[in-house]
Amino acid sequence: MNDTASMHAEILNAMAQPTRLKIIELLRDGERCVCEIFPAVGSEQSNTSRHLNMMLASGVLSRRKDGLKIFYAIKHPEVLEIVDLAARIMTHEITGRHKLLKAV
């Protein structure tokens, strides 16, 4: 695999997990403090921090510190486009499967 394909895979992998998708959706409206993120996604702070760090390392999120608080935000608006496209594909799949089941 070439370096470009590896980087693409790293970015997609950073978003390809339910908790990480919940975090991205939570950040859709702007940055949030870690103290708000982990209770909102229903996960332990240490587990949430692992997910945040993975997305940070892959370039999906940005981070800033304000005193003792750490804030995360979506680094590139295209991340939301990817998530929205995946949701559209999922809708098409569900619709197609529903039509198949009705035909049976």
N, C-alpha and C. Protein backbone atom coordinates (compact mmCIF):
# COMPACT_ATOMS: atom_id res chain seq x y z
N MET A 1 0.85 -1.18 0.00
CA MET A 1 0.00 0.00 0.00
C MET A 1 0.89 1.24 0.00
N ASN A 2 0.55 2.21 -0.85
CA ASN A 2 1.39 3.41 -0.87
C ASN A 2 1.04 4.33 0.29
N ASP A 3 1.87 5.36 0.47
CA ASP A 3 1.68 6.26 1.61
C ASP A 3 0.36 7.01 1.56
N THR A 4 -0.08 7.42 0.36
CA THR A 4 -1.35 8.13 0.23
C THR A 4 -2.51 7.24 0.66
N ALA A 5 -2.51 6.00 0.19
CA ALA A 5 -3.58 5.07 0.57
C ALA A 5 -3.56 4.82 2.07
N SER A 6 -2.39 4.72 2.65
CA SER A 6 -2.27 4.51 4.10
C SER A 6 -2.84 5.70 4.87
N MET A 7 -2.55 6.90 4.40
CA MET A 7 -3.07 8.09 5.07
C MET A 7 -4.59 8.16 4.93
N HIS A 8 -5.12 7.83 3.75
CA HIS A 8 -6.57 7.80 3.57
C HIS A 8 -7.19 6.82 4.56
N ALA A 9 -6.61 5.63 4.63
CA ALA A 9 -7.13 4.59 5.52
C ALA A 9 -7.07 5.04 6.98
N GLU A 10 -6.02 5.73 7.37
CA GLU A 10 -5.88 6.20 8.75
C GLU A 10 -6.99 7.19 9.10
N ILE A 11 -7.29 8.10 8.18
CA ILE A 11 -8.35 9.08 8.43
C ILE A 11 -9.71 8.39 8.53
N LEU A 12 -9.99 7.50 7.58
CA LEU A 12 -11.28 6.79 7.61
C LEU A 12 -11.39 5.90 8.84
N ASN A 13 -10.30 5.24 9.19
CA ASN A 13 -10.30 4.38 10.39
C ASN A 13 -10.55 5.19 11.66
N ALA A 14 -10.04 6.42 11.69
CA ALA A 14 -10.22 7.27 12.87
C ALA A 14 -11.68 7.63 13.09
N MET A 15 -12.49 7.54 12.04
CA MET A 15 -13.91 7.86 12.17
C MET A 15 -14.79 6.61 12.23
N ALA A 16 -14.21 5.46 11.93
CA ALA A 16 -14.99 4.23 11.73
C ALA A 16 -15.21 3.45 13.02
N GLN A 17 -15.88 4.08 13.97
CA GLN A 17 -16.18 3.43 15.24
C GLN A 17 -17.35 4.19 15.86
N PRO A 18 -18.33 3.49 16.42
CA PRO A 18 -19.53 4.18 16.93
C PRO A 18 -19.27 5.31 17.92
N THR A 19 -18.38 5.11 18.89
CA THR A 19 -18.11 6.18 19.86
C THR A 19 -17.49 7.39 19.17
N ARG A 20 -16.58 7.14 18.24
CA ARG A 20 -15.94 8.25 17.52
C ARG A 20 -16.96 9.00 16.66
N LEU A 21 -17.89 8.28 16.06
CA LEU A 21 -18.94 8.95 15.29
C LEU A 21 -19.84 9.79 16.21
N LYS A 22 -20.12 9.29 17.40
CA LYS A 22 -20.90 10.08 18.38
C LYS A 22 -20.16 11.37 18.73
N ILE A 23 -18.85 11.26 18.92
CA ILE A 23 -18.04 12.44 19.24
C ILE A 23 -18.09 13.44 18.10
N ILE A 24 -17.94 12.96 16.87
CA ILE A 24 -17.99 13.85 15.71
C ILE A 24 -19.35 14.55 15.64
N GLU A 25 -20.42 13.80 15.85
CA GLU A 25 -21.76 14.42 15.83
C GLU A 25 -21.90 15.46 16.93
N LEU A 26 -21.35 15.18 18.10
CA LEU A 26 -21.40 16.13 19.21
C LEU A 26 -20.65 17.42 18.87
N LEU A 27 -19.56 17.28 18.11
CA LEU A 27 -18.73 18.43 17.76
C LEU A 27 -19.23 19.15 16.50
N ARG A 28 -20.28 18.64 15.91
CA ARG A 28 -20.83 19.23 14.68
C ARG A 28 -21.13 20.72 14.87
N ASP A 29 -21.62 21.09 16.04
CA ASP A 29 -22.01 22.48 16.29
C ASP A 29 -20.90 23.33 16.91
N GLY A 30 -19.70 22.79 17.02
CA GLY A 30 -18.59 23.57 17.57
C GLY A 30 -17.81 22.81 18.61
N GLU A 31 -16.76 23.46 19.07
CA GLU A 31 -15.86 22.78 20.01
C GLU A 31 -16.54 22.50 21.34
N ARG A 32 -16.01 21.48 22.00
CA ARG A 32 -16.52 21.08 23.32
C ARG A 32 -15.35 20.69 24.21
N CYS A 33 -15.55 20.89 25.49
CA CYS A 33 -14.58 20.47 26.50
C CYS A 33 -14.70 18.95 26.70
N VAL A 34 -13.57 18.33 26.99
CA VAL A 34 -13.58 16.89 27.29
C VAL A 34 -14.58 16.59 28.40
N CYS A 35 -14.70 17.49 29.35
CA CYS A 35 -15.63 17.30 30.47
C CYS A 35 -17.08 17.22 30.00
N GLU A 36 -17.39 17.76 28.82
CA GLU A 36 -18.73 17.65 28.24
C GLU A 36 -18.85 16.44 27.33
N ILE A 37 -17.74 16.06 26.69
CA ILE A 37 -17.78 15.02 25.67
C ILE A 37 -18.03 13.64 26.28
N PHE A 38 -17.24 13.25 27.29
CA PHE A 38 -17.35 11.87 27.76
C PHE A 38 -18.72 11.55 28.37
N PRO A 39 -19.37 12.44 29.12
CA PRO A 39 -20.71 12.07 29.59
C PRO A 39 -21.73 12.03 28.44
N ALA A 40 -21.55 12.89 27.45
CA ALA A 40 -22.51 12.96 26.34
C ALA A 40 -22.47 11.70 25.47
N VAL A 41 -21.30 11.08 25.36
CA VAL A 41 -21.21 9.86 24.54
C VAL A 41 -21.37 8.59 25.37
N GLY A 42 -21.51 8.75 26.69
CA GLY A 42 -21.76 7.60 27.55
C GLY A 42 -20.57 6.68 27.70
N SER A 43 -19.40 7.25 27.83
CA SER A 43 -18.18 6.45 27.91
C SER A 43 -17.30 6.97 29.04
N GLU A 44 -16.42 6.11 29.53
CA GLU A 44 -15.46 6.52 30.56
C GLU A 44 -14.55 7.61 30.00
N GLN A 45 -14.05 8.48 30.87
CA GLN A 45 -13.18 9.56 30.41
C GLN A 45 -11.91 9.00 29.76
N SER A 46 -11.33 7.95 30.33
CA SER A 46 -10.09 7.40 29.76
C SER A 46 -10.34 6.82 28.37
N ASN A 47 -11.46 6.13 28.19
CA ASN A 47 -11.82 5.56 26.89
C ASN A 47 -12.08 6.68 25.87
N THR A 48 -12.82 7.70 26.30
CA THR A 48 -13.10 8.84 25.42
C THR A 48 -11.80 9.53 25.03
N SER A 49 -10.90 9.69 25.97
CA SER A 49 -9.62 10.34 25.68
C SER A 49 -8.82 9.56 24.64
N ARG A 50 -8.87 8.24 24.70
CA ARG A 50 -8.20 7.42 23.69
C ARG A 50 -8.77 7.69 22.29
N HIS A 51 -10.10 7.73 22.22
CA HIS A 51 -10.75 8.01 20.94
C HIS A 51 -10.39 9.41 20.44
N LEU A 52 -10.42 10.39 21.33
CA LEU A 52 -10.08 11.77 20.96
C LEU A 52 -8.64 11.86 20.46
N ASN A 53 -7.73 11.20 21.16
CA ASN A 53 -6.32 11.24 20.76
C ASN A 53 -6.09 10.58 19.41
N MET A 54 -6.82 9.50 19.14
CA MET A 54 -6.68 8.84 17.83
C MET A 54 -7.14 9.77 16.72
N MET A 55 -8.29 10.43 16.93
CA MET A 55 -8.80 11.35 15.91
C MET A 55 -7.91 12.59 15.77
N LEU A 56 -7.32 13.02 16.87
CA LEU A 56 -6.39 14.14 16.84
C LEU A 56 -5.15 13.78 16.02
N ALA A 57 -4.59 12.61 16.27
CA ALA A 57 -3.38 12.17 15.58
C ALA A 57 -3.60 11.99 14.08
N SER A 58 -4.80 11.64 13.69
CA SER A 58 -5.08 11.42 12.27
C SER A 58 -5.51 12.71 11.55
N GLY A 59 -5.65 13.79 12.28
CA GLY A 59 -6.01 15.06 11.66
C GLY A 59 -7.51 15.31 11.56
N VAL A 60 -8.31 14.47 12.21
CA VAL A 60 -9.77 14.64 12.17
C VAL A 60 -10.19 15.76 13.12
N LEU A 61 -9.53 15.84 14.28
CA LEU A 61 -9.86 16.84 15.29
C LEU A 61 -8.70 17.78 15.55
N SER A 62 -9.02 18.93 16.13
CA SER A 62 -8.00 19.84 16.66
C SER A 62 -8.26 19.98 18.16
N ARG A 63 -7.25 20.46 18.87
CA ARG A 63 -7.36 20.58 20.33
C ARG A 63 -6.75 21.91 20.75
N ARG A 64 -7.36 22.50 21.77
CA ARG A 64 -6.77 23.69 22.39
C ARG A 64 -6.99 23.59 23.89
N LYS A 65 -6.06 24.18 24.61
CA LYS A 65 -6.12 24.16 26.06
C LYS A 65 -6.47 25.56 26.54
N ASP A 66 -7.36 25.63 27.52
CA ASP A 66 -7.73 26.90 28.14
C ASP A 66 -7.71 26.67 29.64
N GLY A 67 -6.62 27.06 30.27
CA GLY A 67 -6.44 26.78 31.69
C GLY A 67 -6.31 25.28 31.88
N LEU A 68 -7.17 24.72 32.72
CA LEU A 68 -7.15 23.27 32.96
C LEU A 68 -8.04 22.50 31.99
N LYS A 69 -8.84 23.21 31.23
CA LYS A 69 -9.77 22.55 30.31
C LYS A 69 -9.15 22.33 28.94
N ILE A 70 -9.50 21.19 28.33
CA ILE A 70 -9.04 20.88 26.98
C ILE A 70 -10.27 20.81 26.09
N PHE A 71 -10.22 21.55 25.00
CA PHE A 71 -11.33 21.63 24.06
C PHE A 71 -10.96 20.95 22.75
N TYR A 72 -11.92 20.24 22.18
CA TYR A 72 -11.74 19.58 20.89
C TYR A 72 -12.74 20.14 19.90
N ALA A 73 -12.32 20.16 18.64
CA ALA A 73 -13.19 20.62 17.55
C ALA A 73 -12.86 19.81 16.30
N ILE A 74 -13.77 19.80 15.38
CA ILE A 74 -13.52 19.16 14.08
C ILE A 74 -12.53 20.05 13.34
N LYS A 75 -11.45 19.46 12.88
CA LYS A 75 -10.38 20.24 12.26
C LYS A 75 -10.72 20.68 10.84
N HIS A 76 -11.36 19.80 10.09
CA HIS A 76 -11.70 20.08 8.70
C HIS A 76 -13.20 19.85 8.50
N PRO A 77 -13.92 20.81 7.92
CA PRO A 77 -15.36 20.63 7.72
C PRO A 77 -15.69 19.44 6.81
N GLU A 78 -14.73 19.01 6.01
CA GLU A 78 -14.94 17.86 5.12
C GLU A 78 -15.22 16.58 5.91
N VAL A 79 -14.79 16.53 7.16
CA VAL A 79 -15.07 15.37 8.02
C VAL A 79 -16.58 15.17 8.11
N LEU A 80 -17.31 16.27 8.28
CA LEU A 80 -18.77 16.18 8.37
C LEU A 80 -19.37 15.73 7.04
N GLU A 81 -18.76 16.15 5.94
CA GLU A 81 -19.24 15.70 4.63
C GLU A 81 -19.09 14.19 4.49
N ILE A 82 -17.97 13.65 4.96
CA ILE A 82 -17.74 12.20 4.91
C ILE A 82 -18.81 11.48 5.74
N VAL A 83 -19.05 11.98 6.94
CA VAL A 83 -20.06 11.36 7.82
C VAL A 83 -21.45 11.45 7.19
N ASP A 84 -21.76 12.58 6.60
CA ASP A 84 -23.06 12.76 5.95
C ASP A 84 -23.21 11.83 4.74
N LEU A 85 -22.14 11.67 3.97
CA LEU A 85 -22.18 10.74 2.82
C LEU A 85 -22.39 9.31 3.29
N ALA A 86 -21.73 8.93 4.36
CA ALA A 86 -21.91 7.58 4.89
C ALA A 86 -23.36 7.38 5.34
N ALA A 87 -23.95 8.40 5.93
CA ALA A 87 -25.36 8.31 6.36
C ALA A 87 -26.28 8.17 5.14
N ARG A 88 -25.96 8.87 4.06
CA ARG A 88 -26.78 8.75 2.84
C ARG A 88 -26.67 7.35 2.25
N ILE A 89 -25.45 6.81 2.23
CA ILE A 89 -25.25 5.44 1.73
C ILE A 89 -26.04 4.46 2.58
N MET A 90 -25.99 4.63 3.90
CA MET A 90 -26.72 3.76 4.81
C MET A 90 -28.23 3.83 4.53
N THR A 91 -28.75 5.03 4.31
CA THR A 91 -30.16 5.21 3.99
C THR A 91 -30.53 4.48 2.71
N HIS A 92 -29.68 4.61 1.68
CA HIS A 92 -29.92 3.90 0.41
C HIS A 92 -29.94 2.39 0.63
N GLU A 93 -29.01 1.90 1.42
CA GLU A 93 -28.93 0.46 1.70
C GLU A 93 -30.18 -0.03 2.44
N ILE A 94 -30.59 0.70 3.43
CA ILE A 94 -31.77 0.32 4.20
C ILE A 94 -33.00 0.32 3.29
N THR A 95 -33.13 1.35 2.48
CA THR A 95 -34.26 1.44 1.56
C THR A 95 -34.26 0.28 0.58
N GLY A 96 -33.08 -0.04 0.02
CA GLY A 96 -32.96 -1.14 -0.92
C GLY A 96 -33.29 -2.48 -0.29
N ARG A 97 -32.83 -2.69 0.91
CA ARG A 97 -33.12 -3.95 1.62
C ARG A 97 -34.60 -4.06 1.96
N HIS A 98 -35.20 -2.93 2.33
CA HIS A 98 -36.62 -2.92 2.65
C HIS A 98 -37.44 -3.29 1.41
N LYS A 99 -37.06 -2.74 0.27
CA LYS A 99 -37.75 -3.07 -0.98
C LYS A 99 -37.60 -4.55 -1.32
N LEU A 100 -36.41 -5.10 -1.10
CA LEU A 100 -36.19 -6.52 -1.35
C LEU A 100 -37.07 -7.39 -0.46
N LEU A 101 -37.17 -7.02 0.80
CA LEU A 101 -37.98 -7.80 1.75
C LEU A 101 -39.47 -7.72 1.39
N LYS A 102 -39.92 -6.56 0.94
CA LYS A 102 -41.32 -6.41 0.54
C LYS A 102 -41.63 -7.27 -0.70
N ALA A 103 -40.64 -7.43 -1.57
CA ALA A 103 -40.82 -8.18 -2.81
C ALA A 103 -40.89 -9.69 -2.55
N VAL A 104 -40.35 -10.13 -1.41
CA VAL A 104 -40.30 -11.56 -1.11
C VAL A 104 -41.62 -12.07 -0.62
